[in-house]
PDB file of all heavy atoms in Angstrom:
ATOM      1  N   GLN A   1       2.820   6.638   8.803  1.00  0.00           N
ATOM      2  CA  GLN A   1       3.768   6.775   7.701  1.00  0.00           C
ATOM      3  C   GLN A   1       3.569   5.666   6.684  1.00  0.00           C
ATOM      4  O   GLN A   1       3.026   4.610   6.994  1.00  0.00           O
ATOM      5  CB  GLN A   1       5.208   6.766   8.193  1.00  0.00           C
ATOM      6  CG  GLN A   1       5.685   5.458   8.751  1.00  0.00           C
ATOM      7  CD  GLN A   1       7.167   5.541   9.125  1.00  0.00           C
ATOM      8  OE1 GLN A   1       7.811   6.562   8.981  1.00  0.00           O
ATOM      9  NE2 GLN A   1       7.690   4.442   9.605  1.00  0.00           N
ATOM     10  N   ILE A   2       4.000   5.932   5.467  1.00  0.00           N
ATOM     11  CA  ILE A   2       3.947   4.926   4.413  1.00  0.00           C
ATOM     12  C   ILE A   2       5.103   3.964   4.620  1.00  0.00           C
ATOM     13  O   ILE A   2       6.251   4.381   4.754  1.00  0.00           O
ATOM     14  CB  ILE A   2       4.012   5.582   3.026  1.00  0.00           C
ATOM     15  CG1 ILE A   2       2.764   6.441   2.815  1.00  0.00           C
ATOM     16  CG2 ILE A   2       4.148   4.525   1.939  1.00  0.00           C
ATOM     17  CD1 ILE A   2       2.762   7.227   1.529  1.00  0.00           C
ATOM     18  N   THR A   3       4.787   2.671   4.669  1.00  0.00           N
ATOM     19  CA  THR A   3       5.818   1.654   4.886  1.00  0.00           C
ATOM     20  C   THR A   3       6.105   0.811   3.653  1.00  0.00           C
ATOM     21  O   THR A   3       7.097   0.100   3.613  1.00  0.00           O
ATOM     22  CB  THR A   3       5.425   0.716   6.044  1.00  0.00           C
ATOM     23  OG1 THR A   3       4.164   0.115   5.745  1.00  0.00           O
ATOM     24  CG2 THR A   3       5.346   1.478   7.356  1.00  0.00           C
ATOM     25  N   GLN A   4       5.225   0.893   2.643  1.00  0.00           N
ATOM     26  CA  GLN A   4       5.439   0.099   1.433  1.00  0.00           C
ATOM     27  C   GLN A   4       4.723   0.738   0.257  1.00  0.00           C
ATOM     28  O   GLN A   4       3.610   1.231   0.392  1.00  0.00           O
ATOM     29  CB  GLN A   4       4.903  -1.318   1.618  1.00  0.00           C
ATOM     30  CG  GLN A   4       5.027  -2.195   0.388  1.00  0.00           C
ATOM     31  CD  GLN A   4       4.342  -3.548   0.563  1.00  0.00           C
ATOM     32  OE1 GLN A   4       4.101  -3.990   1.668  1.00  0.00           O
ATOM     33  NE2 GLN A   4       4.032  -4.188  -0.543  1.00  0.00           N
ATOM     34  N   ILE A   5       5.388   0.721  -0.893  1.00  0.00           N
ATOM     35  CA  ILE A   5       4.789   1.097  -2.164  1.00  0.00           C
ATOM     36  C   ILE A   5       5.233   0.041  -3.162  1.00  0.00           C
ATOM     37  O   ILE A   5       6.416  -0.272  -3.253  1.00  0.00           O
ATOM     38  CB  ILE A   5       5.245   2.493  -2.635  1.00  0.00           C
ATOM     39  CG1 ILE A   5       4.745   3.563  -1.673  1.00  0.00           C
ATOM     40  CG2 ILE A   5       4.766   2.769  -4.051  1.00  0.00           C
ATOM     41  CD1 ILE A   5       5.237   4.966  -2.006  1.00  0.00           C
ATOM     42  N   SER A   6       4.281  -0.543  -3.882  1.00  0.00           N
ATOM     43  CA  SER A   6       4.628  -1.562  -4.868  1.00  0.00           C
ATOM     44  C   SER A   6       3.578  -1.587  -5.961  1.00  0.00           C
ATOM     45  O   SER A   6       2.565  -0.896  -5.891  1.00  0.00           O
ATOM     46  CB  SER A   6       4.757  -2.932  -4.199  1.00  0.00           C
ATOM     47  OG  SER A   6       3.544  -3.303  -3.572  1.00  0.00           O
ATOM     48  N   LEU A   7       3.825  -2.395  -6.987  1.00  0.00           N
ATOM     49  CA  LEU A   7       2.877  -2.590  -8.076  1.00  0.00           C
ATOM     50  C   LEU A   7       2.173  -3.922  -7.901  1.00  0.00           C
ATOM     51  O   LEU A   7       2.732  -4.868  -7.344  1.00  0.00           O
ATOM     52  CB  LEU A   7       3.596  -2.575  -9.426  1.00  0.00           C
ATOM     53  CG  LEU A   7       4.213  -1.250  -9.842  1.00  0.00           C
ATOM     54  CD1 LEU A   7       4.979  -1.423 -11.152  1.00  0.00           C
ATOM     55  CD2 LEU A   7       3.148  -0.177  -9.993  1.00  0.00           C
ATOM     56  N   ILE A   8       0.945  -4.013  -8.401  1.00  0.00           N
ATOM     57  CA  ILE A   8       0.209  -5.274  -8.379  1.00  0.00           C
ATOM     58  C   ILE A   8       0.583  -6.033  -9.641  1.00  0.00           C
ATOM     59  O   ILE A   8       0.395  -5.538 -10.751  1.00  0.00           O
ATOM     60  CB  ILE A   8      -1.317  -5.025  -8.331  1.00  0.00           C
ATOM     61  CG1 ILE A   8      -1.691  -4.259  -7.068  1.00  0.00           C
ATOM     62  CG2 ILE A   8      -2.068  -6.347  -8.430  1.00  0.00           C
ATOM     63  CD1 ILE A   8      -3.126  -3.787  -7.030  1.00  0.00           C
ATOM     64  N   ASN A   9       1.133  -7.213  -9.477  1.00  0.00           N
ATOM     65  CA  ASN A   9       1.502  -8.060 -10.598  1.00  0.00           C
ATOM     66  C   ASN A   9       0.434  -9.121 -10.806  1.00  0.00           C
ATOM     67  O   ASN A   9       0.332 -10.075 -10.044  1.00  0.00           O
ATOM     68  CB  ASN A   9       2.861  -8.729 -10.333  1.00  0.00           C
ATOM     69  CG  ASN A   9       3.972  -7.710 -10.231  1.00  0.00           C
ATOM     70  OD1 ASN A   9       4.083  -6.835 -11.066  1.00  0.00           O
ATOM     71  ND2 ASN A   9       4.779  -7.816  -9.194  1.00  0.00           N
ATOM     72  N   CYS A  10      -0.374  -8.947 -11.850  1.00  0.00           N
ATOM     73  CA  CYS A  10      -1.455  -9.886 -12.138  1.00  0.00           C
ATOM     74  C   CYS A  10      -0.929 -11.097 -12.902  1.00  0.00           C
ATOM     75  O   CYS A  10       0.034 -10.993 -13.654  1.00  0.00           O
ATOM     76  CB  CYS A  10      -2.529  -9.203 -12.975  1.00  0.00           C
ATOM     77  SG  CYS A  10      -3.295  -7.822 -12.132  1.00  0.00           S
ATOM     78  N   ARG A  11      -1.596 -12.215 -12.707  1.00  0.00           N
ATOM     79  CA  ARG A  11      -1.183 -13.451 -13.381  1.00  0.00           C
ATOM     80  C   ARG A  11      -1.257 -13.359 -14.894  1.00  0.00           C
ATOM     81  O   ARG A  11      -0.500 -14.024 -15.587  1.00  0.00           O
ATOM     82  CB  ARG A  11      -2.046 -14.620 -12.910  1.00  0.00           C
ATOM     83  CG  ARG A  11      -1.706 -15.066 -11.520  1.00  0.00           C
ATOM     84  CD  ARG A  11      -2.431 -16.327 -11.207  1.00  0.00           C
ATOM     85  NE  ARG A  11      -3.493 -16.028 -10.264  1.00  0.00           N
ATOM     86  CZ  ARG A  11      -4.221 -16.926  -9.658  1.00  0.00           C
ATOM     87  NH1 ARG A  11      -4.041 -18.199  -9.890  1.00  0.00           N
ATOM     88  NH2 ARG A  11      -5.142 -16.567  -8.800  1.00  0.00           N
ATOM     89  N   ASP A  12      -2.192 -12.557 -15.411  1.00  0.00           N
ATOM     90  CA  ASP A  12      -2.327 -12.456 -16.866  1.00  0.00           C
ATOM     91  C   ASP A  12      -1.438 -11.362 -17.454  1.00  0.00           C
ATOM     92  O   ASP A  12      -1.504 -11.075 -18.632  1.00  0.00           O
ATOM     93  CB  ASP A  12      -3.787 -12.230 -17.254  1.00  0.00           C
ATOM     94  CG  ASP A  12      -4.309 -10.860 -16.815  1.00  0.00           C
ATOM     95  OD1 ASP A  12      -3.597 -10.129 -16.112  1.00  0.00           O
ATOM     96  OD2 ASP A  12      -5.453 -10.544 -17.189  1.00  0.00           O
ATOM     97  N   GLY A  13      -0.608 -10.731 -16.623  1.00  0.00           N
ATOM     98  CA  GLY A  13       0.305  -9.706 -17.086  1.00  0.00           C
ATOM     99  C   GLY A  13      -0.305  -8.317 -17.169  1.00  0.00           C
ATOM    100  O   GLY A  13       0.381  -7.373 -17.542  1.00  0.00           O
ATOM    101  N   SER A  14      -1.580  -8.172 -16.827  1.00  0.00           N
ATOM    102  CA  SER A  14      -2.222  -6.863 -16.888  1.00  0.00           C
ATOM    103  C   SER A  14      -1.797  -5.996 -15.704  1.00  0.00           C
ATOM    104  O   SER A  14      -1.355  -6.488 -14.682  1.00  0.00           O
ATOM    105  CB  SER A  14      -3.747  -7.009 -16.920  1.00  0.00           C
ATOM    106  OG  SER A  14      -4.221  -7.629 -15.752  1.00  0.00           O
ATOM    107  N   ASN A  15      -1.949  -4.692 -15.877  1.00  0.00           N
ATOM    108  CA  ASN A  15      -1.591  -3.722 -14.852  1.00  0.00           C
ATOM    109  C   ASN A  15      -2.822  -3.428 -14.009  1.00  0.00           C
ATOM    110  O   ASN A  15      -3.856  -3.030 -14.541  1.00  0.00           O
ATOM    111  CB  ASN A  15      -1.082  -2.440 -15.519  1.00  0.00           C
ATOM    112  CG  ASN A  15      -0.770  -1.340 -14.541  1.00  0.00           C
ATOM    113  OD1 ASN A  15      -0.779  -1.526 -13.330  1.00  0.00           O
ATOM    114  ND2 ASN A  15      -0.491  -0.162 -15.063  1.00  0.00           N
ATOM    115  N   ALA A  16      -2.735  -3.613 -12.696  1.00  0.00           N
ATOM    116  CA  ALA A  16      -3.855  -3.331 -11.795  1.00  0.00           C
ATOM    117  C   ALA A  16      -3.527  -2.209 -10.826  1.00  0.00           C
ATOM    118  O   ALA A  16      -4.121  -2.093  -9.766  1.00  0.00           O
ATOM    119  CB  ALA A  16      -4.250  -4.591 -11.045  1.00  0.00           C
ATOM    120  N   GLY A  17      -2.547  -1.382 -11.183  1.00  0.00           N
ATOM    121  CA  GLY A  17      -2.217  -0.240 -10.341  1.00  0.00           C
ATOM    122  C   GLY A  17      -1.215  -0.570  -9.255  1.00  0.00           C
ATOM    123  O   GLY A  17      -0.514  -1.571  -9.303  1.00  0.00           O
ATOM    124  N   GLY A  18      -1.187   0.275  -8.255  1.00  0.00           N
ATOM    125  CA  GLY A  18      -0.208   0.137  -7.195  1.00  0.00           C
ATOM    126  C   GLY A  18      -0.821  -0.174  -5.851  1.00  0.00           C
ATOM    127  O   GLY A  18      -2.035  -0.214  -5.680  1.00  0.00           O
ATOM    128  N   VAL A  19       0.092  -0.405  -4.896  1.00  0.00           N
ATOM    129  CA  VAL A  19      -0.272  -0.688  -3.511  1.00  0.00           C
ATOM    130  C   VAL A  19       0.454   0.328  -2.633  1.00  0.00           C
ATOM    131  O   VAL A  19       1.644   0.581  -2.828  1.00  0.00           O
ATOM    132  CB  VAL A  19       0.170  -2.116  -3.098  1.00  0.00           C
ATOM    133  CG1 VAL A  19      -0.136  -2.378  -1.634  1.00  0.00           C
ATOM    134  CG2 VAL A  19      -0.466  -3.161  -3.988  1.00  0.00           C
ATOM    135  N   VAL A  20      -0.267   0.894  -1.682  1.00  0.00           N
ATOM    136  CA  VAL A  20       0.331   1.767  -0.677  1.00  0.00           C
ATOM    137  C   VAL A  20      -0.069   1.216   0.686  1.00  0.00           C
ATOM    138  O   VAL A  20      -1.249   0.988   0.939  1.00  0.00           O
ATOM    139  CB  VAL A  20      -0.141   3.231  -0.821  1.00  0.00           C
ATOM    140  CG1 VAL A  20       0.368   4.081   0.334  1.00  0.00           C
ATOM    141  CG2 VAL A  20       0.309   3.818  -2.148  1.00  0.00           C
ATOM    142  N   VAL A  21       0.924   0.974   1.552  1.00  0.00           N
ATOM    143  CA  VAL A  21       0.662   0.480   2.900  1.00  0.00           C
ATOM    144  C   VAL A  21       1.071   1.559   3.888  1.00  0.00           C
ATOM    145  O   VAL A  21       2.187   2.079   3.827  1.00  0.00           O
ATOM    146  CB  VAL A  21       1.424  -0.832   3.192  1.00  0.00           C
ATOM    147  CG1 VAL A  21       1.164  -1.309   4.612  1.00  0.00           C
ATOM    148  CG2 VAL A  21       1.047  -1.913   2.174  1.00  0.00           C
ATOM    149  N   LEU A  22       0.139   1.887   4.784  1.00  0.00           N
ATOM    150  CA  LEU A  22       0.389   2.870   5.834  1.00  0.00           C
ATOM    151  C   LEU A  22       0.331   2.171   7.178  1.00  0.00           C
ATOM    152  O   LEU A  22      -0.494   1.284   7.374  1.00  0.00           O
ATOM    153  CB  LEU A  22      -0.685   3.962   5.818  1.00  0.00           C
ATOM    154  CG  LEU A  22      -0.825   4.726   4.519  1.00  0.00           C
ATOM    155  CD1 LEU A  22      -2.138   4.393   3.893  1.00  0.00           C
ATOM    156  CD2 LEU A  22      -0.686   6.184   4.781  1.00  0.00           C
ATOM    157  N   SER A  23       1.188   2.579   8.105  1.00  0.00           N
ATOM    158  CA  SER A  23       1.169   2.036   9.461  1.00  0.00           C
ATOM    159  C   SER A  23       1.161   3.175  10.467  1.00  0.00           C
ATOM    160  O   SER A  23       1.770   4.221  10.240  1.00  0.00           O
ATOM    161  CB  SER A  23       2.399   1.164   9.712  1.00  0.00           C
ATOM    162  OG  SER A  23       2.346   0.013   8.913  1.00  0.00           O
ATOM    163  N   ALA A  24       0.453   2.930  11.563  1.00  0.00           N
ATOM    164  CA  ALA A  24       0.393   3.908  12.650  1.00  0.00           C
ATOM    165  C   ALA A  24       0.390   3.150  13.966  1.00  0.00           C
ATOM    166  O   ALA A  24      -0.121   2.038  14.053  1.00  0.00           O
ATOM    167  CB  ALA A  24      -0.863   4.766  12.535  1.00  0.00           C
ATOM    168  N   ASN A  25       0.980   3.752  14.981  1.00  0.00           N
ATOM    169  CA  ASN A  25       1.033   3.135  16.298  1.00  0.00           C
ATOM    170  C   ASN A  25       0.797   4.224  17.334  1.00  0.00           C
ATOM    171  O   ASN A  25       1.457   5.257  17.316  1.00  0.00           O
ATOM    172  CB  ASN A  25       2.399   2.471  16.517  1.00  0.00           C
ATOM    173  CG  ASN A  25       2.459   1.702  17.803  1.00  0.00           C
ATOM    174  OD1 ASN A  25       2.120   2.209  18.870  1.00  0.00           O
ATOM    175  ND2 ASN A  25       2.911   0.476  17.714  1.00  0.00           N
ATOM    176  N   ASN A  26      -0.151   3.964  18.264  1.00  0.00           N
ATOM    177  CA  ASN A  26      -0.425   4.959  19.299  1.00  0.00           C
ATOM    178  C   ASN A  26       0.184   4.559  20.644  1.00  0.00           C
ATOM    179  O   ASN A  26      -0.200   5.076  21.679  1.00  0.00           O
ATOM    180  CB  ASN A  26      -1.933   5.203  19.437  1.00  0.00           C
ATOM    181  CG  ASN A  26      -2.666   4.001  19.996  1.00  0.00           C
ATOM    182  OD1 ASN A  26      -2.082   2.981  20.333  1.00  0.00           O
ATOM    183  ND2 ASN A  26      -3.986   4.113  20.082  1.00  0.00           N
ATOM    184  N   GLY A  27       1.114   3.609  20.631  1.00  0.00           N
ATOM    185  CA  GLY A  27       1.762   3.157  21.858  1.00  0.00           C
ATOM    186  C   GLY A  27       1.265   1.804  22.315  1.00  0.00           C
ATOM    187  O   GLY A  27       2.025   0.996  22.826  1.00  0.00           O
ATOM    188  N   SER A  28      -0.020   1.536  22.149  1.00  0.00           N
ATOM    189  CA  SER A  28      -0.565   0.239  22.562  1.00  0.00           C
ATOM    190  C   SER A  28      -1.203  -0.524  21.403  1.00  0.00           C
ATOM    191  O   SER A  28      -1.406  -1.721  21.500  1.00  0.00           O
ATOM    192  CB  SER A  28      -1.613   0.430  23.663  1.00  0.00           C
ATOM    193  OG  SER A  28      -2.694   1.214  23.183  1.00  0.00           O
ATOM    194  N   THR A  29      -1.493   0.165  20.317  1.00  0.00           N
ATOM    195  CA  THR A  29      -2.168  -0.462  19.182  1.00  0.00           C
ATOM    196  C   THR A  29      -1.469  -0.078  17.891  1.00  0.00           C
ATOM    197  O   THR A  29      -1.131   1.088  17.686  1.00  0.00           O
ATOM    198  CB  THR A  29      -3.644  -0.017  19.112  1.00  0.00           C
ATOM    199  OG1 THR A  29      -4.267  -0.276  20.370  1.00  0.00           O
ATOM    200  CG2 THR A  29      -4.392  -0.754  18.024  1.00  0.00           C
ATOM    201  N   THR A  30      -1.264  -1.071  17.027  1.00  0.00           N
ATOM    202  CA  THR A  30      -0.701  -0.824  15.707  1.00  0.00           C
ATOM    203  C   THR A  30      -1.807  -1.007  14.674  1.00  0.00           C
ATOM    204  O   THR A  30      -2.539  -1.998  14.700  1.00  0.00           O
ATOM    205  CB  THR A  30       0.456  -1.795  15.402  1.00  0.00           C
ATOM    206  OG1 THR A  30       1.484  -1.597  16.375  1.00  0.00           O
ATOM    207  CG2 THR A  30       1.020  -1.570  14.017  1.00  0.00           C
ATOM    208  N   TYR A  31      -1.924  -0.036  13.776  1.00  0.00           N
ATOM    209  CA  TYR A  31      -2.906  -0.067  12.702  1.00  0.00           C
ATOM    210  C   TYR A  31      -2.168  -0.144  11.372  1.00  0.00           C
ATOM    211  O   TYR A  31      -1.164   0.531  11.178  1.00  0.00           O
ATOM    212  CB  TYR A  31      -3.772   1.189  12.713  1.00  0.00           C
ATOM    213  CG  TYR A  31      -4.527   1.384  13.998  1.00  0.00           C
ATOM    214  CD1 TYR A  31      -4.043   2.216  15.001  1.00  0.00           C
ATOM    215  CD2 TYR A  31      -5.732   0.722  14.218  1.00  0.00           C
ATOM    216  CE1 TYR A  31      -4.734   2.394  16.186  1.00  0.00           C
ATOM    217  CE2 TYR A  31      -6.428   0.887  15.411  1.00  0.00           C
ATOM    218  CZ  TYR A  31      -5.917   1.726  16.384  1.00  0.00           C
ATOM    219  OH  TYR A  31      -6.607   1.890  17.557  1.00  0.00           O
ATOM    220  N   THR A  32      -2.688  -0.953  10.452  1.00  0.00           N
ATOM    221  CA  THR A  32      -2.131  -1.054   9.114  1.00  0.00           C
ATOM    222  C   THR A  32      -3.263  -0.871   8.111  1.00  0.00           C
ATOM    223  O   THR A  32      -4.316  -1.488   8.238  1.00  0.00           O
ATOM    224  CB  THR A  32      -1.456  -2.418   8.889  1.00  0.00           C
ATOM    225  OG1 THR A  32      -0.486  -2.632   9.912  1.00  0.00           O
ATOM    226  CG2 THR A  32      -0.768  -2.476   7.542  1.00  0.00           C
ATOM    227  N   PHE A  33      -3.037  -0.014   7.132  1.00  0.00           N
ATOM    228  CA  PHE A  33      -3.999   0.262   6.074  1.00  0.00           C
ATOM    229  C   PHE A  33      -3.329  -0.052   4.742  1.00  0.00           C
ATOM    230  O   PHE A  33      -2.262   0.487   4.448  1.00  0.00           O
ATOM    231  CB  PHE A  33      -4.430   1.729   6.090  1.00  0.00           C
ATOM    232  CG  PHE A  33      -5.035   2.150   7.394  1.00  0.00           C
ATOM    233  CD1 PHE A  33      -4.239   2.645   8.418  1.00  0.00           C
ATOM    234  CD2 PHE A  33      -6.401   2.049   7.600  1.00  0.00           C
ATOM    235  CE1 PHE A  33      -4.803   3.040   9.621  1.00  0.00           C
ATOM    236  CE2 PHE A  33      -6.974   2.437   8.805  1.00  0.00           C
ATOM    237  CZ  PHE A  33      -6.165   2.925   9.823  1.00  0.00           C
ATOM    238  N   LYS A  34      -3.937  -0.923   3.964  1.00  0.00           N
ATOM    239  CA  LYS A  34      -3.384  -1.318   2.669  1.00  0.00           C
ATOM    240  C   LYS A  34      -4.356  -0.879   1.584  1.00  0.00           C
ATOM    241  O   LYS A  34      -5.495  -1.336   1.532  1.00  0.00           O
ATOM    242  CB  LYS A  34      -3.192  -2.832   2.634  1.00  0.00           C
ATOM    243  CG  LYS A  34      -2.504  -3.350   1.399  1.00  0.00           C
ATOM    244  CD  LYS A  34      -2.262  -4.850   1.546  1.00  0.00           C
ATOM    245  CE  LYS A  34      -1.482  -5.427   0.415  1.00  0.00           C
ATOM    246  NZ  LYS A  34      -1.285  -6.887   0.600  1.00  0.00           N
ATOM    247  N   LEU A  35      -3.908   0.052   0.735  1.00  0.00           N
ATOM    248  CA  LEU A  35      -4.705   0.585  -0.359  1.00  0.00           C
ATOM    249  C   LEU A  35      -4.238  -0.068  -1.652  1.00  0.00           C
ATOM    250  O   LEU A  35      -3.050  -0.008  -1.974  1.00  0.00           O
ATOM    251  CB  LEU A  35      -4.517   2.097  -0.468  1.00  0.00           C
ATOM    252  CG  LEU A  35      -4.645   2.913   0.818  1.00  0.00           C
ATOM    253  CD1 LEU A  35      -4.160   4.332   0.579  1.00  0.00           C
ATOM    254  CD2 LEU A  35      -6.064   2.901   1.310  1.00  0.00           C
ATOM    255  N   LEU A  36      -5.148  -0.675  -2.389  1.00  0.00           N
ATOM    256  CA  LEU A  36      -4.808  -1.333  -3.641  1.00  0.00           C
ATOM    257  C   LEU A  36      -5.530  -0.676  -4.805  1.00  0.00           C
ATOM    258  O   LEU A  36      -6.622  -0.149  -4.633  1.00  0.00           O
ATOM    259  CB  LEU A  36      -5.175  -2.815  -3.594  1.00  0.00           C
ATOM    260  CG  LEU A  36      -4.373  -3.646  -2.606  1.00  0.00           C
ATOM    261  CD1 LEU A  36      -5.124  -3.771  -1.298  1.00  0.00           C
ATOM    262  CD2 LEU A  36      -4.079  -5.009  -3.160  1.00  0.00           C
ATOM    263  N   HIS A  37      -4.934  -0.757  -5.990  1.00  0.00           N
ATOM    264  CA  HIS A  37      -5.449  -0.153  -7.226  1.00  0.00           C
ATOM    265  C   HIS A  37      -5.323   1.363  -7.161  1.00  0.00           C
ATOM    266  O   HIS A  37      -6.245   2.094  -7.500  1.00  0.00           O
ATOM    267  CB  HIS A  37      -6.896  -0.576  -7.516  1.00  0.00           C
ATOM    268  CG  HIS A  37      -7.120  -2.052  -7.452  1.00  0.00           C
ATOM    269  ND1 HIS A  37      -6.458  -2.933  -8.282  1.00  0.00           N
ATOM    270  CD2 HIS A  37      -7.900  -2.808  -6.653  1.00  0.00           C
ATOM    271  CE1 HIS A  37      -6.839  -4.164  -7.997  1.00  0.00           C
ATOM    272  NE2 HIS A  37      -7.705  -4.115  -6.997  1.00  0.00           N
ATOM    273  N   VAL A  38      -4.165   1.826  -6.694  1.00  0.00           N
ATOM    274  CA  VAL A  38      -3.940   3.256  -6.502  1.00  0.00           C
ATOM    275  C   VAL A  38      -2.639   3.716  -7.153  1.00  0.00           C
ATOM    276  O   VAL A  38      -1.773   2.917  -7.487  1.00  0.00           O
ATOM    277  CB  VAL A  38      -3.907   3.634  -5.007  1.00  0.00           C
ATOM    278  CG1 VAL A  38      -5.230   3.328  -4.337  1.00  0.00           C
ATOM    279  CG2 VAL A  38      -2.764   2.946  -4.281  1.00  0.00           C
ATOM    280  N   GLN A  39      -2.515   5.035  -7.288  1.00  0.00           N
ATOM    281  CA  GLN A  39      -1.290   5.696  -7.708  1.00  0.00           C
ATOM    282  C   GLN A  39      -0.772   6.474  -6.501  1.00  0.00           C
ATOM    283  O   GLN A  39      -1.467   7.365  -5.998  1.00  0.00           O
ATOM    284  CB  GLN A  39      -1.572   6.651  -8.862  1.00  0.00           C
ATOM    285  CG  GLN A  39      -0.374   7.464  -9.289  1.00  0.00           C
ATOM    286  CD  GLN A  39      -0.741   8.478 -10.362  1.00  0.00           C
ATOM    287  OE1 GLN A  39      -1.837   8.483 -10.898  1.00  0.00           O
ATOM    288  NE2 GLN A  39       0.187   9.355 -10.651  1.00  0.00           N
ATOM    289  N   PRO A  40       0.412   6.139  -5.973  1.00  0.00           N
ATOM    290  CA  PRO A  40       0.938   6.818  -4.775  1.00  0.00           C
ATOM    291  C   PRO A  40       1.171   8.310  -5.009  1.00  0.00           C
ATOM    292  O   PRO A  40       1.563   8.724  -6.092  1.00  0.00           O
ATOM    293  CB  PRO A  40       2.274   6.112  -4.522  1.00  0.00           C
ATOM    294  CG  PRO A  40       2.226   4.865  -5.324  1.00  0.00           C
ATOM    295  CD  PRO A  40       1.306   5.108  -6.469  1.00  0.00           C
ATOM    296  N   LEU A  41       0.930   9.107  -3.980  1.00  0.00           N
ATOM    297  CA  LEU A  41       1.197  10.546  -4.019  1.00  0.00           C
ATOM    298  C   LEU A  41       2.280  10.947  -3.020  1.00  0.00           C
ATOM    299  O   LEU A  41       2.686  12.104  -2.990  1.00  0.00           O
ATOM    300  CB  LEU A  41      -0.081  11.337  -3.706  1.00  0.00           C
ATOM    301  CG  LEU A  41      -1.214  11.217  -4.712  1.00  0.00           C
ATOM    302  CD1 LEU A  41      -2.435  11.994  -4.224  1.00  0.00           C
ATOM    303  CD2 LEU A  41      -0.785  11.698  -6.093  1.00  0.00           C
ATOM    304  N   ALA A  42       2.701  10.022  -2.164  1.00  0.00           N
ATOM    305  CA  ALA A  42       3.727  10.301  -1.155  1.00  0.00           C
ATOM    306  C   ALA A  42       4.728   9.149  -1.177  1.00  0.00           C
ATOM    307  O   ALA A  42       4.461   8.093  -1.752  1.00  0.00           O
ATOM    308  CB  ALA A  42       3.086  10.448   0.217  1.00  0.00           C
ATOM    309  N   GLY A  43       5.866   9.333  -0.525  1.00  0.00           N
ATOM    310  CA  GLY A  43       6.916   8.337  -0.544  1.00  0.00           C
ATOM    311  C   GLY A  43       7.037   7.538   0.742  1.00  0.00           C
ATOM    312  O   GLY A  43       6.503   7.917   1.789  1.00  0.00           O
TER     313      GLY A  43
END
């Protein structure tokens, strides 16, 4: 599932897109995937 959606705030004020963080757990292992410079399609 998606656990975070945010914008990238650059020091120079430019827009670098968004961030989507996904997490998954199979009972013994937790996986986290962080996608940067993206436009989210899910909530």
